[in-house]
Amino acid sequence: MAEEEAIRAASEELACQFQTLINTQEVESIRHIQHLILGRLQDSNAVLSHFNEYSERCFTELSGDFSRNTRLLKSIKSDLDYIFMKLRSMKSRLKAIYPDAFPDASTIKILDQRPDLERPLP
């Protein structure tokens, strides 16, 4: 028993020494700051949750338009690819029949005598 009392007395003495090391005003100040930070984080979390819900609603409303427009653009691209393929084919046939109809890059400057509208007049 004497040993247990000695241990208890030592424990109490150690606890008292630790209490003298800790400033209760500083601990309260830290707790207050932590409480303020917690409030700010909860407010930020609420704002982000609201924004996520709003974004999800907007995406749901617009996703149909996005997919419809994507299909339309793919269709337009395939149509344009087909048109340009036909134009290249027609150009190659015309070039075979009329070789002078499509001059090369060296003679195109000579044949193009139109004024340059981007350049100011002297």
PDB file of N, CA and C in Angstrom:
ATOM      1  N   MET A   1       0.803  -1.192   0.000  1.00  0.00           N
ATOM      2  CA  MET A   1       0.000   0.000   0.000  1.00  0.00           C
ATOM      3  C   MET A   1       0.847   1.258   0.000  1.00  0.00           C
ATOM      4  N   ALA A   2       1.911   1.204   0.736  1.00  0.00           N
ATOM      5  CA  ALA A   2       2.778   2.373   0.808  1.00  0.00           C
ATOM      6  C   ALA A   2       3.342   2.681  -0.572  1.00  0.00           C
ATOM      7  N   GLU A   3       3.568   1.630  -1.319  1.00  0.00           N
ATOM      8  CA  GLU A   3       4.101   1.815  -2.665  1.00  0.00           C
ATOM      9  C   GLU A   3       3.054   2.472  -3.562  1.00  0.00           C
ATOM     10  N   GLU A   4       1.787   2.056  -3.445  1.00  0.00           N
ATOM     11  CA  GLU A   4       0.707   2.652  -4.241  1.00  0.00           C
ATOM     12  C   GLU A   4       0.514   4.117  -3.872  1.00  0.00           C
ATOM     13  N   GLU A   5       0.586   4.415  -2.593  1.00  0.00           N
ATOM     14  CA  GLU A   5       0.449   5.811  -2.157  1.00  0.00           C
ATOM     15  C   GLU A   5       1.604   6.644  -2.684  1.00  0.00           C
ATOM     16  N   ALA A   6       2.784   6.086  -2.710  1.00  0.00           N
ATOM     17  CA  ALA A   6       3.947   6.807  -3.232  1.00  0.00           C
ATOM     18  C   ALA A   6       3.772   7.079  -4.725  1.00  0.00           C
ATOM     19  N   ILE A   7       3.243   6.079  -5.435  1.00  0.00           N
ATOM     20  CA  ILE A   7       3.008   6.258  -6.882  1.00  0.00           C
ATOM     21  C   ILE A   7       1.932   7.311  -7.089  1.00  0.00           C
ATOM     22  N   ARG A   8       0.853   7.250  -6.309  1.00  0.00           N
ATOM     23  CA  ARG A   8      -0.224   8.238  -6.440  1.00  0.00           C
ATOM     24  C   ARG A   8       0.288   9.638  -6.123  1.00  0.00           C
ATOM     25  N   ALA A   9       1.081   9.776  -5.110  1.00  0.00           N
ATOM     26  CA  ALA A   9       1.627  11.081  -4.727  1.00  0.00           C
ATOM     27  C   ALA A   9       2.531  11.616  -5.838  1.00  0.00           C
ATOM     28  N   ALA A  10       3.327  10.716  -6.401  1.00  0.00           N
ATOM     29  CA  ALA A  10       4.213  11.133  -7.499  1.00  0.00           C
ATOM     30  C   ALA A  10       3.396  11.556  -8.713  1.00  0.00           C
ATOM     31  N   SER A  11       2.321  10.819  -8.980  1.00  0.00           N
ATOM     32  CA  SER A  11       1.460  11.156 -10.117  1.00  0.00           C
ATOM     33  C   SER A  11       0.813  12.516  -9.915  1.00  0.00           C
ATOM     34  N   GLU A  12       0.316  12.760  -8.706  1.00  0.00           N
ATOM     35  CA  GLU A  12      -0.315  14.063  -8.427  1.00  0.00           C
ATOM     36  C   GLU A  12       0.696  15.191  -8.541  1.00  0.00           C
ATOM     37  N   GLU A  13       1.899  14.943  -8.039  1.00  0.00           N
ATOM     38  CA  GLU A  13       2.940  15.960  -8.129  1.00  0.00           C
ATOM     39  C   GLU A  13       3.288  16.250  -9.591  1.00  0.00           C
ATOM     40  N   LEU A  14       3.376  15.197 -10.390  1.00  0.00           N
ATOM     41  CA  LEU A  14       3.674  15.366 -11.812  1.00  0.00           C
ATOM     42  C   LEU A  14       2.545  16.130 -12.505  1.00  0.00           C
ATOM     43  N   ALA A  15       1.293  15.805 -12.182  1.00  0.00           N
ATOM     44  CA  ALA A  15       0.150  16.505 -12.759  1.00  0.00           C
ATOM     45  C   ALA A  15       0.174  17.977 -12.382  1.00  0.00           C
ATOM     46  N   CYS A  16       0.516  18.261 -11.122  1.00  0.00           N
ATOM     47  CA  CYS A  16       0.606  19.670 -10.693  1.00  0.00           C
ATOM     48  C   CYS A  16       1.706  20.408 -11.455  1.00  0.00           C
ATOM     49  N   GLN A  17       2.822  19.725 -11.665  1.00  0.00           N
ATOM     50  CA  GLN A  17       3.918  20.349 -12.400  1.00  0.00           C
ATOM     51  C   GLN A  17       3.506  20.634 -13.852  1.00  0.00           C
ATOM     52  N   PHE A  18       2.784  19.694 -14.472  1.00  0.00           N
ATOM     53  CA  PHE A  18       2.307  19.923 -15.841  1.00  0.00           C
ATOM     54  C   PHE A  18       1.323  21.072 -15.891  1.00  0.00           C
ATOM     55  N   GLN A  19       0.476  21.195 -14.880  1.00  0.00           N
ATOM     56  CA  GLN A  19      -0.505  22.284 -14.869  1.00  0.00           C
ATOM     57  C   GLN A  19       0.180  23.635 -14.768  1.00  0.00           C
ATOM     58  N   THR A  20       1.316  23.687 -14.088  1.00  0.00           N
ATOM     59  CA  THR A  20       2.027  24.966 -14.006  1.00  0.00           C
ATOM     60  C   THR A  20       2.689  25.306 -15.342  1.00  0.00           C
ATOM     61  N   LEU A  21       2.948  24.288 -16.177  1.00  0.00           N
ATOM     62  CA  LEU A  21       3.554  24.543 -17.482  1.00  0.00           C
ATOM     63  C   LEU A  21       2.536  25.076 -18.487  1.00  0.00           C
ATOM     64  N   ILE A  22       1.269  24.773 -18.286  1.00  0.00           N
ATOM     65  CA  ILE A  22       0.230  25.133 -19.241  1.00  0.00           C
ATOM     66  C   ILE A  22      -0.452  26.415 -18.794  1.00  0.00           C
ATOM     67  N   ASN A  23      -0.515  27.376 -19.718  1.00  0.00           N
ATOM     68  CA  ASN A  23      -1.197  28.634 -19.448  1.00  0.00           C
ATOM     69  C   ASN A  23      -2.656  28.457 -19.885  1.00  0.00           C
ATOM     70  N   THR A  24      -3.593  28.532 -18.969  1.00  0.00           N
ATOM     71  CA  THR A  24      -4.999  28.280 -19.291  1.00  0.00           C
ATOM     72  C   THR A  24      -5.566  29.332 -20.233  1.00  0.00           C
ATOM     73  N   GLN A  25      -5.074  30.558 -20.153  1.00  0.00           N
ATOM     74  CA  GLN A  25      -5.559  31.592 -21.084  1.00  0.00           C
ATOM     75  C   GLN A  25      -5.162  31.260 -22.516  1.00  0.00           C
ATOM     76  N   GLU A  26      -3.944  30.762 -22.704  1.00  0.00           N
ATOM     77  CA  GLU A  26      -3.501  30.385 -24.043  1.00  0.00           C
ATOM     78  C   GLU A  26      -4.313  29.201 -24.564  1.00  0.00           C
ATOM     79  N   VAL A  27      -4.612  28.243 -23.702  1.00  0.00           N
ATOM     80  CA  VAL A  27      -5.409  27.092 -24.112  1.00  0.00           C
ATOM     81  C   VAL A  27      -6.805  27.542 -24.523  1.00  0.00           C
ATOM     82  N   GLU A  28      -7.403  28.454 -23.745  1.00  0.00           N
ATOM     83  CA  GLU A  28      -8.729  28.982 -24.095  1.00  0.00           C
ATOM     84  C   GLU A  28      -8.677  29.760 -25.405  1.00  0.00           C
ATOM     85  N   SER A  29      -7.607  30.503 -25.606  1.00  0.00           N
ATOM     86  CA  SER A  29      -7.438  31.250 -26.855  1.00  0.00           C
ATOM     87  C   SER A  29      -7.352  30.289 -28.040  1.00  0.00           C
ATOM     88  N   ILE A  30      -6.602  29.209 -27.879  1.00  0.00           N
ATOM     89  CA  ILE A  30      -6.472  28.211 -28.949  1.00  0.00           C
ATOM     90  C   ILE A  30      -7.823  27.555 -29.213  1.00  0.00           C
ATOM     91  N   ARG A  31      -8.572  27.214 -28.159  1.00  0.00           N
ATOM     92  CA  ARG A  31      -9.890  26.602 -28.325  1.00  0.00           C
ATOM     93  C   ARG A  31     -10.829  27.569 -29.068  1.00  0.00           C
ATOM     94  N   HIS A  32     -10.766  28.858 -28.719  1.00  0.00           N
ATOM     95  CA  HIS A  32     -11.625  29.851 -29.381  1.00  0.00           C
ATOM     96  C   HIS A  32     -11.272  29.959 -30.867  1.00  0.00           C
ATOM     97  N   ILE A  33      -9.991  30.005 -31.174  1.00  0.00           N
ATOM     98  CA  ILE A  33      -9.554  30.089 -32.571  1.00  0.00           C
ATOM     99  C   ILE A  33      -9.976  28.841 -33.335  1.00  0.00           C
ATOM    100  N   GLN A  34      -9.827  27.672 -32.711  1.00  0.00           N
ATOM    101  CA  GLN A  34     -10.251  26.432 -33.352  1.00  0.00           C
ATOM    102  C   GLN A  34     -11.757  26.432 -33.608  1.00  0.00           C
ATOM    103  N   HIS A  35     -12.513  26.981 -32.677  1.00  0.00           N
ATOM    104  CA  HIS A  35     -13.963  27.070 -32.855  1.00  0.00           C
ATOM    105  C   HIS A  35     -14.316  27.988 -34.037  1.00  0.00           C
ATOM    106  N   LEU A  36     -13.609  29.118 -34.144  1.00  0.00           N
ATOM    107  CA  LEU A  36     -13.835  30.025 -35.272  1.00  0.00           C
ATOM    108  C   LEU A  36     -13.493  29.348 -36.599  1.00  0.00           C
ATOM    109  N   ILE A  37     -12.381  28.645 -36.630  1.00  0.00           N
ATOM    110  CA  ILE A  37     -11.972  27.946 -37.849  1.00  0.00           C
ATOM    111  C   ILE A  37     -12.994  26.877 -38.212  1.00  0.00           C
ATOM    112  N   LEU A  38     -13.489  26.163 -37.212  1.00  0.00           N
ATOM    113  CA  LEU A  38     -14.507  25.147 -37.466  1.00  0.00           C
ATOM    114  C   LEU A  38     -15.750  25.779 -38.085  1.00  0.00           C
ATOM    115  N   GLY A  39     -16.184  26.922 -37.550  1.00  0.00           N
ATOM    116  CA  GLY A  39     -17.346  27.618 -38.122  1.00  0.00           C
ATOM    117  C   GLY A  39     -17.117  28.022 -39.557  1.00  0.00           C
ATOM    118  N   ARG A  40     -15.938  28.544 -39.846  1.00  0.00           N
ATOM    119  CA  ARG A  40     -15.631  28.958 -41.224  1.00  0.00           C
ATOM    120  C   ARG A  40     -15.600  27.767 -42.167  1.00  0.00           C
ATOM    121  N   LEU A  41     -15.011  26.668 -41.699  1.00  0.00           N
ATOM    122  CA  LEU A  41     -14.964  25.469 -42.537  1.00  0.00           C
ATOM    123  C   LEU A  41     -16.364  24.916 -42.792  1.00  0.00           C
ATOM    124  N   GLN A  42     -17.225  24.963 -41.774  1.00  0.00           N
ATOM    125  CA  GLN A  42     -18.598  24.487 -41.966  1.00  0.00           C
ATOM    126  C   GLN A  42     -19.344  25.385 -42.952  1.00  0.00           C
ATOM    127  N   ASP A  43     -19.121  26.712 -42.857  1.00  0.00           N
ATOM    128  CA  ASP A  43     -19.744  27.635 -43.818  1.00  0.00           C
ATOM    129  C   ASP A  43     -19.247  27.360 -45.234  1.00  0.00           C
ATOM    130  N   SER A  44     -17.940  27.170 -45.368  1.00  0.00           N
ATOM    131  CA  SER A  44     -17.368  26.883 -46.683  1.00  0.00           C
ATOM    132  C   SER A  44     -17.921  25.578 -47.231  1.00  0.00           C
ATOM    133  N   ASN A  45     -18.058  24.585 -46.376  1.00  0.00           N
ATOM    134  CA  ASN A  45     -18.599  23.301 -46.804  1.00  0.00           C
ATOM    135  C   ASN A  45     -20.038  23.457 -47.282  1.00  0.00           C
ATOM    136  N   ALA A  46     -20.831  24.283 -46.571  1.00  0.00           N
ATOM    137  CA  ALA A  46     -22.221  24.508 -46.985  1.00  0.00           C
ATOM    138  C   ALA A  46     -22.272  25.203 -48.345  1.00  0.00           C
ATOM    139  N   VAL A  47     -21.412  26.198 -48.552  1.00  0.00           N
ATOM    140  CA  VAL A  47     -21.386  26.913 -49.834  1.00  0.00           C
ATOM    141  C   VAL A  47     -20.982  25.966 -50.959  1.00  0.00           C
ATOM    142  N   LEU A  48     -19.964  25.146 -50.722  1.00  0.00           N
ATOM    143  CA  LEU A  48     -19.526  24.205 -51.760  1.00  0.00           C
ATOM    144  C   LEU A  48     -20.595  23.157 -52.055  1.00  0.00           C
ATOM    145  N   SER A  49     -21.303  22.711 -51.033  1.00  0.00           N
ATOM    146  CA  SER A  49     -22.383  21.748 -51.255  1.00  0.00           C
ATOM    147  C   SER A  49     -23.484  22.376 -52.103  1.00  0.00           C
ATOM    148  N   HIS A  50     -23.823  23.628 -51.795  1.00  0.00           N
ATOM    149  CA  HIS A  50     -24.842  24.328 -52.588  1.00  0.00           C
ATOM    150  C   HIS A  50     -24.385  24.482 -54.035  1.00  0.00           C
ATOM    151  N   PHE A  51     -23.127  24.854 -54.226  1.00  0.00           N
ATOM    152  CA  PHE A  51     -22.605  25.021 -55.576  1.00  0.00           C
ATOM    153  C   PHE A  51     -22.622  23.699 -56.331  1.00  0.00           C
ATOM    154  N   ASN A  52     -22.243  22.602 -55.664  1.00  0.00           N
ATOM    155  CA  ASN A  52     -22.260  21.296 -56.319  1.00  0.00           C
ATOM    156  C   ASN A  52     -23.671  20.902 -56.734  1.00  0.00           C
ATOM    157  N   GLU A  53     -24.661  21.167 -55.875  1.00  0.00           N
ATOM    158  CA  GLU A  53     -26.044  20.856 -56.225  1.00  0.00           C
ATOM    159  C   GLU A  53     -26.497  21.692 -57.421  1.00  0.00           C
ATOM    160  N   TYR A  54     -26.139  22.979 -57.410  1.00  0.00           N
ATOM    161  CA  TYR A  54     -26.490  23.870 -58.520  1.00  0.00           C
ATOM    162  C   TYR A  54     -25.829  23.399 -59.817  1.00  0.00           C
ATOM    163  N   SER A  55     -24.544  23.037 -59.737  1.00  0.00           N
ATOM    164  CA  SER A  55     -23.823  22.565 -60.924  1.00  0.00           C
ATOM    165  C   SER A  55     -24.443  21.289 -61.464  1.00  0.00           C
ATOM    166  N   GLU A  56     -24.841  20.404 -60.571  1.00  0.00           N
ATOM    167  CA  GLU A  56     -25.457  19.151 -61.006  1.00  0.00           C
ATOM    168  C   GLU A  56     -26.783  19.407 -61.710  1.00  0.00           C
ATOM    169  N   ARG A  57     -27.575  20.351 -61.173  1.00  0.00           N
ATOM    170  CA  ARG A  57     -28.843  20.698 -61.832  1.00  0.00           C
ATOM    171  C   ARG A  57     -28.592  21.288 -63.214  1.00  0.00           C
ATOM    172  N   CYS A  58     -27.643  22.213 -63.297  1.00  0.00           N
ATOM    173  CA  CYS A  58     -27.329  22.832 -64.597  1.00  0.00           C
ATOM    174  C   CYS A  58     -26.836  21.786 -65.594  1.00  0.00           C
ATOM    175  N   PHE A  59     -25.973  20.894 -65.142  1.00  0.00           N
ATOM    176  CA  PHE A  59     -25.454  19.862 -66.040  1.00  0.00           C
ATOM    177  C   PHE A  59     -26.583  18.960 -66.520  1.00  0.00           C
ATOM    178  N   THR A  60     -27.497  18.613 -65.620  1.00  0.00           N
ATOM    179  CA  THR A  60     -28.625  17.766 -66.003  1.00  0.00           C
ATOM    180  C   THR A  60     -29.476  18.456 -67.060  1.00  0.00           C
ATOM    181  N   GLU A  61     -29.691  19.758 -66.885  1.00  0.00           N
ATOM    182  CA  GLU A  61     -30.493  20.507 -67.853  1.00  0.00           C
ATOM    183  C   GLU A  61     -29.796  20.623 -69.198  1.00  0.00           C
ATOM    184  N   LEU A  62     -28.481  20.770 -69.184  1.00  0.00           N
ATOM    185  CA  LEU A  62     -27.751  21.042 -70.426  1.00  0.00           C
ATOM    186  C   LEU A  62     -27.167  19.802 -71.093  1.00  0.00           C
ATOM    187  N   SER A  63     -27.111  18.677 -70.393  1.00  0.00           N
ATOM    188  CA  SER A  63     -26.451  17.503 -70.980  1.00  0.00           C
ATOM    189  C   SER A  63     -27.171  17.019 -72.236  1.00  0.00           C
ATOM    190  N   GLY A  64     -28.502  17.144 -72.280  1.00  0.00           N
ATOM    191  CA  GLY A  64     -29.237  16.780 -73.492  1.00  0.00           C
ATOM    192  C   GLY A  64     -28.836  17.648 -74.667  1.00  0.00           C
ATOM    193  N   ASP A  65     -28.722  18.968 -74.411  1.00  0.00           N
ATOM    194  CA  ASP A  65     -28.293  19.882 -75.478  1.00  0.00           C
ATOM    195  C   ASP A  65     -26.880  19.554 -75.938  1.00  0.00           C
ATOM    196  N   PHE A  66     -25.980  19.262 -74.995  1.00  0.00           N
ATOM    197  CA  PHE A  66     -24.599  18.934 -75.363  1.00  0.00           C
ATOM    198  C   PHE A  66     -24.548  17.696 -76.242  1.00  0.00           C
ATOM    199  N   SER A  67     -25.261  16.655 -75.854  1.00  0.00           N
ATOM    200  CA  SER A  67     -25.202  15.426 -76.652  1.00  0.00           C
ATOM    201  C   SER A  67     -25.853  15.631 -78.022  1.00  0.00           C
ATOM    202  N   ARG A  68     -26.950  16.382 -78.072  1.00  0.00           N
ATOM    203  CA  ARG A  68     -27.608  16.664 -79.360  1.00  0.00           C
ATOM    204  C   ARG A  68     -26.685  17.477 -80.262  1.00  0.00           C
ATOM    205  N   ASN A  69     -26.055  18.501 -79.702  1.00  0.00           N
ATOM    206  CA  ASN A  69     -25.140  19.331 -80.501  1.00  0.00           C
ATOM    207  C   ASN A  69     -23.908  18.543 -80.934  1.00  0.00           C
ATOM    208  N   THR A  70     -23.446  17.632 -80.082  1.00  0.00           N
ATOM    209  CA  THR A  70     -22.306  16.788 -80.456  1.00  0.00           C
ATOM    210  C   THR A  70     -22.656  15.906 -81.636  1.00  0.00           C
ATOM    211  N   ARG A  71     -23.830  15.296 -81.586  1.00  0.00           N
ATOM    212  CA  ARG A  71     -24.257  14.464 -82.727  1.00  0.00           C
ATOM    213  C   ARG A  71     -24.386  15.313 -83.988  1.00  0.00           C
ATOM    214  N   LEU A  72     -24.938  16.527 -83.852  1.00  0.00           N
ATOM    215  CA  LEU A  72     -25.085  17.414 -85.004  1.00  0.00           C
ATOM    216  C   LEU A  72     -23.719  17.772 -85.592  1.00  0.00           C
ATOM    217  N   LEU A  73     -22.754  18.102 -84.730  1.00  0.00           N
ATOM    218  CA  LEU A  73     -21.419  18.456 -85.222  1.00  0.00           C
ATOM    219  C   LEU A  73     -20.738  17.269 -85.906  1.00  0.00           C
ATOM    220  N   LYS A  74     -20.923  16.071 -85.356  1.00  0.00           N
ATOM    221  CA  LYS A  74     -20.345  14.885 -86.007  1.00  0.00           C
ATOM    222  C   LYS A  74     -20.975  14.650 -87.373  1.00  0.00           C
ATOM    223  N   SER A  75     -22.277  14.877 -87.459  1.00  0.00           N
ATOM    224  CA  SER A  75     -22.966  14.717 -88.739  1.00  0.00           C
ATOM    225  C   SER A  75     -22.480  15.756 -89.744  1.00  0.00           C
ATOM    226  N   ILE A  76     -22.337  16.999 -89.291  1.00  0.00           N
ATOM    227  CA  ILE A  76     -21.844  18.060 -90.178  1.00  0.00           C
ATOM    228  C   ILE A  76     -20.427  17.736 -90.646  1.00  0.00           C
ATOM    229  N   LYS A  77     -19.590  17.243 -89.740  1.00  0.00           N
ATOM    230  CA  LYS A  77     -18.216  16.895 -90.119  1.00  0.00           C
ATOM    231  C   LYS A  77     -18.199  15.801 -91.178  1.00  0.00           C
ATOM    232  N   SER A  78     -19.010  14.777 -90.992  1.00  0.00           N
ATOM    233  CA  SER A  78     -19.010  13.704 -91.998  1.00  0.00           C
ATOM    234  C   SER A  78     -19.539  14.218 -93.334  1.00  0.00           C
ATOM    235  N   ASP A  79     -20.549  15.109 -93.305  1.00  0.00           N
ATOM    236  CA  ASP A  79     -21.044  15.699 -94.549  1.00  0.00           C
ATOM    237  C   ASP A  79     -19.961  16.526 -95.231  1.00  0.00           C
ATOM    238  N   LEU A  80     -19.245  17.338 -94.445  1.00  0.00           N
ATOM    239  CA  LEU A  80     -18.180  18.160 -95.023  1.00  0.00           C
ATOM    240  C   LEU A  80     -17.037  17.295 -95.560  1.00  0.00           C
ATOM    241  N   ASP A  81     -16.698  16.230 -94.847  1.00  0.00           N
ATOM    242  CA  ASP A  81     -15.666  15.312 -95.354  1.00  0.00           C
ATOM    243  C   ASP A  81     -16.081  14.739 -96.705  1.00  0.00           C
ATOM    244  N   TYR A  82     -17.336  14.345 -96.824  1.00  0.00           N
ATOM    245  CA  TYR A  82     -17.843  13.797 -98.084  1.00  0.00           C
ATOM    246  C   TYR A  82     -17.796  14.859 -99.180  1.00  0.00           C
ATOM    247  N   ILE A  83     -18.218  16.085 -98.850  1.00  0.00           N
ATOM    248  CA  ILE A  83     -18.208  17.181 -99.841  1.00  0.00           C
ATOM    249  C   ILE A  83     -16.784  17.461-100.321  1.00  0.00           C
ATOM    250  N   PHE A  84     -15.829  17.552 -99.374  1.00  0.00           N
ATOM    251  CA  PHE A  84     -14.453  17.838 -99.773  1.00  0.00           C
ATOM    252  C   PHE A  84     -13.846  16.682-100.570  1.00  0.00           C
ATOM    253  N   MET A  85     -14.224  15.455-100.242  1.00  0.00           N
ATOM    254  CA  MET A  85     -13.748  14.318-101.024  1.00  0.00           C
ATOM    255  C   MET A  85     -14.263  14.437-102.462  1.00  0.00           C
ATOM    256  N   LYS A  86     -15.547  14.778-102.624  1.00  0.00           N
ATOM    257  CA  LYS A  86     -16.117  14.952-103.961  1.00  0.00           C
ATOM    258  C   LYS A  86     -15.437  16.109-104.688  1.00  0.00           C
ATOM    259  N   LEU A  87     -15.190  17.216-103.977  1.00  0.00           N
ATOM    260  CA  LEU A  87     -14.517  18.358-104.610  1.00  0.00           C
ATOM    261  C   LEU A  87     -13.108  17.993-105.071  1.00  0.00           C
ATOM    262  N   ARG A  88     -12.358  17.254-104.245  1.00  0.00           N
ATOM    263  CA  ARG A  88     -11.013  16.828-104.656  1.00  0.00           C
ATOM    264  C   ARG A  88     -11.086  15.924-105.883  1.00  0.00           C
ATOM    265  N   SER A  89     -12.084  15.048-105.899  1.00  0.00           N
ATOM    266  CA  SER A  89     -12.250  14.157-107.051  1.00  0.00           C
ATOM    267  C   SER A  89     -12.573  14.960-108.304  1.00  0.00           C
ATOM    268  N   MET A  90     -13.487  15.921-108.176  1.00  0.00           N
ATOM    269  CA  MET A  90     -13.852  16.755-109.327  1.00  0.00           C
ATOM    270  C   MET A  90     -12.647  17.579-109.786  1.00  0.00           C
ATOM    271  N   LYS A  91     -11.884  18.100-108.826  1.00  0.00           N
ATOM    272  CA  LYS A  91     -10.717  18.908-109.181  1.00  0.00           C
ATOM    273  C   LYS A  91      -9.685  18.062-109.924  1.00  0.00           C
ATOM    274  N   SER A  92      -9.464  16.845-109.464  1.00  0.00           N
ATOM    275  CA  SER A  92      -8.476  16.003-110.147  1.00  0.00           C
ATOM    276  C   SER A  92      -8.949  15.640-111.554  1.00  0.00           C
ATOM    277  N   ARG A  93     -10.273  15.397-111.734  1.00  0.00           N
ATOM    278  CA  ARG A  93     -10.778  15.112-113.084  1.00  0.00           C
ATOM    279  C   ARG A  93     -10.659  16.341-113.980  1.00  0.00           C
ATOM    280  N   LEU A  94     -11.004  17.526-113.431  1.00  0.00           N
ATOM    281  CA  LEU A  94     -10.865  18.751-114.225  1.00  0.00           C
ATOM    282  C   LEU A  94      -9.404  19.024-114.575  1.00  0.00           C
ATOM    283  N   LYS A  95      -8.517  18.759-113.627  1.00  0.00           N
ATOM    284  CA  LYS A  95      -7.101  18.985-113.881  1.00  0.00           C
ATOM    285  C   LYS A  95      -6.586  18.037-114.958  1.00  0.00           C
ATOM    286  N   ALA A  96      -7.135  16.810-114.995  1.00  0.00           N
ATOM    287  CA  ALA A  96      -6.720  15.865-116.034  1.00  0.00           C
ATOM    288  C   ALA A  96      -7.213  16.325-117.402  1.00  0.00           C
ATOM    289  N   ILE A  97      -8.425  16.886-117.449  1.00  0.00           N
ATOM    290  CA  ILE A  97      -8.989  17.324-118.732  1.00  0.00           C
ATOM    291  C   ILE A  97      -8.429  18.686-119.127  1.00  0.00           C
ATOM    292  N   TYR A  98      -8.343  19.613-118.167  1.00  0.00           N
ATOM    293  CA  TYR A  98      -7.864  20.978-118.424  1.00  0.00           C
ATOM    294  C   TYR A  98      -6.664  21.258-117.517  1.00  0.00           C
ATOM    295  N   PRO A  99      -5.480  20.937-117.931  1.00  0.00           N
ATOM    296  CA  PRO A  99      -4.289  21.100-117.072  1.00  0.00           C
ATOM    297  C   PRO A  99      -4.004  22.564-116.717  1.00  0.00           C
ATOM    298  N   ASP A 100      -4.406  23.492-117.546  1.00  0.00           N
ATOM    299  CA  ASP A 100      -4.135  24.904-117.267  1.00  0.00           C
ATOM    300  C   ASP A 100      -5.177  25.525-116.342  1.00  0.00           C
ATOM    301  N   ALA A 101      -6.210  24.804-115.993  1.00  0.00           N
ATOM    302  CA  ALA A 101      -7.276  25.356-115.158  1.00  0.00           C
ATOM    303  C   ALA A 101      -6.809  25.614-113.730  1.00  0.00           C
ATOM    304  N   PHE A 102      -5.851  24.832-113.243  1.00  0.00           N
ATOM    305  CA  PHE A 102      -5.347  24.994-111.875  1.00  0.00           C
ATOM    306  C   PHE A 102      -3.847  25.212-111.927  1.00  0.00           C
ATOM    307  N   PRO A 103      -3.419  26.490-111.968  1.00  0.00           N
ATOM    308  CA  PRO A 103      -1.981  26.761-112.061  1.00  0.00           C
ATOM    309  C   PRO A 103      -1.272  26.389-110.750  1.00  0.00           C
ATOM    310  N   ASP A 104       0.049  26.142-110.875  1.00  0.00           N
ATOM    311  CA  ASP A 104       0.817  25.812-109.673  1.00  0.00           C
ATOM    312  C   ASP A 104       1.142  27.092-108.899  1.00  0.00           C
ATOM    313  N   ALA A 105       1.797  26.959-107.770  1.00  0.00           N
ATOM    314  CA  ALA A 105       2.036  28.087-106.868  1.00  0.00           C
ATOM    315  C   ALA A 105       2.926  29.160-107.488  1.00  0.00           C
ATOM    316  N   SER A 106       3.829  28.782-108.404  1.00  0.00           N
ATOM    317  CA  SER A 106       4.742  29.773-108.994  1.00  0.00           C
ATOM    318  C   SER A 106       4.021  30.694-109.976  1.00  0.00           C
ATOM    319  N   THR A 107       3.020  30.205-110.662  1.00  0.00           N
ATOM    320  CA  THR A 107       2.322  31.042-111.638  1.00  0.00           C
ATOM    321  C   THR A 107       1.078  31.707-111.064  1.00  0.00           C
ATOM    322  N   ILE A 108       0.686  31.341-109.895  1.00  0.00           N
ATOM    323  CA  ILE A 108      -0.541  31.904-109.336  1.00  0.00           C
ATOM    324  C   ILE A 108      -0.379  33.390-109.031  1.00  0.00           C
ATOM    325  N   LYS A 109       0.820  33.838-108.619  1.00  0.00           N
ATOM    326  CA  LYS A 109       1.061  35.255-108.341  1.00  0.00           C
ATOM    327  C   LYS A 109       0.948  36.080-109.627  1.00  0.00           C
ATOM    328  N   ILE A 110       1.388  35.528-110.719  1.00  0.00           N
ATOM    329  CA  ILE A 110       1.347  36.247-111.993  1.00  0.00           C
ATOM    330  C   ILE A 110      -0.100  36.384-112.464  1.00  0.00           C
ATOM    331  N   LEU A 111      -0.870  35.332-112.294  1.00  0.00           N
ATOM    332  CA  LEU A 111      -2.251  35.350-112.774  1.00  0.00           C
ATOM    333  C   LEU A 111      -3.176  36.184-111.886  1.00  0.00           C
ATOM    334  N   ASP A 112      -2.862  36.279-110.607  1.00  0.00           N
ATOM    335  CA  ASP A 112      -3.723  37.019-109.677  1.00  0.00           C
ATOM    336  C   ASP A 112      -3.315  38.485-109.680  1.00  0.00           C
ATOM    337  N   GLN A 113      -4.048  39.306-110.422  1.00  0.00           N
ATOM    338  CA  GLN A 113      -3.755  40.727-110.535  1.00  0.00           C
ATOM    339  C   GLN A 113      -4.729  41.586-109.724  1.00  0.00           C
ATOM    340  N   ARG A 114      -5.450  40.960-108.792  1.00  0.00           N
ATOM    341  CA  ARG A 114      -6.386  41.725-107.964  1.00  0.00           C
ATOM    342  C   ARG A 114      -5.617  42.568-106.958  1.00  0.00           C
ATOM    343  N   PRO A 115      -6.147  43.746-106.610  1.00  0.00           N
ATOM    344  CA  PRO A 115      -5.450  44.583-105.620  1.00  0.00           C
ATOM    345  C   PRO A 115      -5.565  43.962-104.214  1.00  0.00           C
ATOM    346  N   ASP A 116      -4.543  44.219-103.423  1.00  0.00           N
ATOM    347  CA  ASP A 116      -4.538  43.743-102.034  1.00  0.00           C
ATOM    348  C   ASP A 116      -5.318  44.751-101.197  1.00  0.00           C
ATOM    349  N   LEU A 117      -6.476  44.364-100.719  1.00  0.00           N
ATOM    350  CA  LEU A 117      -7.346  45.291 -99.973  1.00  0.00           C
ATOM    351  C   LEU A 117      -6.851  45.535 -98.554  1.00  0.00           C
ATOM    352  N   GLU A 118      -5.939  44.721 -98.058  1.00  0.00           N
ATOM    353  CA  GLU A 118      -5.407  44.909 -96.733  1.00  0.00           C
ATOM    354  C   GLU A 118      -4.316  45.984 -96.678  1.00  0.00           C
ATOM    355  N   ARG A 119      -3.680  46.228 -97.813  1.00  0.00           N
ATOM    356  CA  ARG A 119      -2.586  47.184 -97.860  1.00  0.00           C
ATOM    357  C   ARG A 119      -3.135  48.594 -98.109  1.00  0.00           C
ATOM    358  N   PRO A 120      -2.687  49.601 -97.341  1.00  0.00           N
ATOM    359  CA  PRO A 120      -3.182  50.970 -97.558  1.00  0.00           C
ATOM    360  C   PRO A 120      -2.693  51.532 -98.891  1.00  0.00           C
ATOM    361  N   LEU A 121      -3.487  52.433 -99.435  1.00  0.00           N
ATOM    362  CA  LEU A 121      -3.118  53.060-100.707  1.00  0.00           C
ATOM    363  C   LEU A 121      -1.978  54.033-100.506  1.00  0.00           C
ATOM    364  N   PRO A 122      -1.086  54.139-101.521  1.00  0.00           N
ATOM    365  CA  PRO A 122       0.055  55.076-101.380  1.00  0.00           C
ATOM    366  C   PRO A 122      -0.372  56.524-101.473  1.00  0.00           C
TER     367      PRO A 122
END
